[in-house]
Amino acid sequence: MNEKNFELAEKLIGKTYKESSQQAMRKREGLVTSLLSEQKMPEKGWDELSIRQVLDDFALMDSNTFFHGVGVGEREGRIYGGANGLVSQRYFGMAHGIGRSGDIAALQPKAAGSSLLSKLVQQMSRHLIATLGIKTTKGALVLPLATGMAIMMTFLTLRAKKPAAKYVIWPRIDQKTCLKSMISAGLTPLIVENKLEGDQVRTDLPKIRELIDEKGSENILCIFSTTSTFAPRVPDRVVDIAMIAEENDIFHVINNAYGLQQPKCVNLVQEATLKGRVDCFIQSTDKNFMVPVGGSIIASSHPELLKEISLNYPGRASASPVIDLFIQYLSFGLSGYKNLLEERKEMFSYFHTAISGLANEFGERILSTPMNQISIGMTLDNFAENPTLVGSMLFRHCCSGVRVVAQNTKKEIGEFTFPQYGAHINDYPHNYLTVAAAIGITKQDIDTFISRLRTTLKTYHKKMHTHDAKPRE
């Protein structure tokens, strides 16, 4: 309320109550003042009422909520059911989305509040990524697209800058999204098979150089590297790749899908930007910030590239992923988010110890992948008759996220065939399963999974009528 309204309220409730309530309201207003002036995640998370208040205030800045507004165009932010309908409530009344037809990052005349929210989220994302350790970050573009589509948008933008180049050098990672992002952009992947070093699957740098010499740097659009990944693959040698990209004047895009929660990945990206060429790195909002699927952040030390990507986006876009991220940033607070990252590291160690003990019970072992600090692989060599049965049994026991990779398998994706798909390499010497200690996982999750995995392996043994996988007494 403004000062005049407080003066009028004082006549009804008295000076003492007026002043205490006024002070409380001014304190909440101070949170918004700090947010607008600092444009970064607050140090301490906000309470739900404060978050709802700022969202309601932003919504009142959009034309579809104007008290005496009349819209006579084809898109006026009308929501069936009115302000009290479920759809309107889901979006806090912000119906116009973000951006304009020519630029997803542009201000929208009908939606000052939504535009303000979008701008704040871009700045908050940039600051957070820099605070986490990628200090060279100069800009962040939050897109209402999952990671694969954001990667494709990036490729299309780079292709316009180097139209004669059609190849992308891609150290193999067995995830369909990565491959399809290149193909959908009309590019030709040059797949670099990885090398086995102990249990770890690692980048073959000589092969990258060989492909550049063979195809010519002028015909190669970019190198597409990866940080966060499933064991036994570990992050690419992105620092060396960045140096190769700089030497040969080739774009370098890093798939950092869930790398923001891993210090190893953060440090690699930071070092790569300092020692070589990194045009941008892309991460998922749901995997790093526990929001619904549908958003991604393209970050870069080159703001002009982010501007070009935003200009390539066709049309306006849904504000839903941006609103989700805004709410989560305010809910976490920087200290709260950092605490979650520390808890994740502790849970990774706990998970590693727990599953190591279980593996020993069944004559298996944990794959040694010290460079991967989120994903854990456990061999299933004593379950070789049908290792994928273990995965399906776990799913029936309501365990999601487990990946089982079997030997002597292959998968075709378009024109490409991948032997032992899921292992990121041909002829990996083990059947295995992987699990991940991602942000938000709890000790109870781990304990319950270990119990169900133990039951599953025992049941498998009985079902397959074999004595090879008997648990040790």
Foldseek 3Di string as FASTA:
>chain_A
DDPVVLVVVCVVVNDVVSVVVVVVVVVLVVVVVCCVVVLAQFQAFDDPVSLLVLLLVLLCQAQLNPPPHDDDDPDRQDDPPPCPDPVCVLNVNQRPFADFQQFRLDQDPRRNSLNVLQVSLFSHVQVLLCVLPLVLWDTKHKDLAFQLLLLLLLLLLLCVVQVQAAEEEEAFAQDVSNVVSSVVNVHHYDYFFFDDDQQATEHDVVVVVVVCVVPPLSRYAAYEFEAAGAPPYHGYQLLVRQAVCQVRVHEYEYACALVSLPSLSSVSNNNSVVRGHYAWYKYFCCQHQVFDGGMIMIIGSDVVSVRSSRSPDGGYDHCNVSSRSSNSSNRQRSNNSVVLSVVLLVVLVVLQVLVQVVLVQQVKGKRDRVNHRWKTKIFPALLQVCQCVLVVQVVVVVDPDKDWFHAPDWDDDPPDIGHRRPNSHHPNPTTIMMHTSGGPDDPVNSVVSSVSSSVSLVVSCVVVVDPSRHGDD
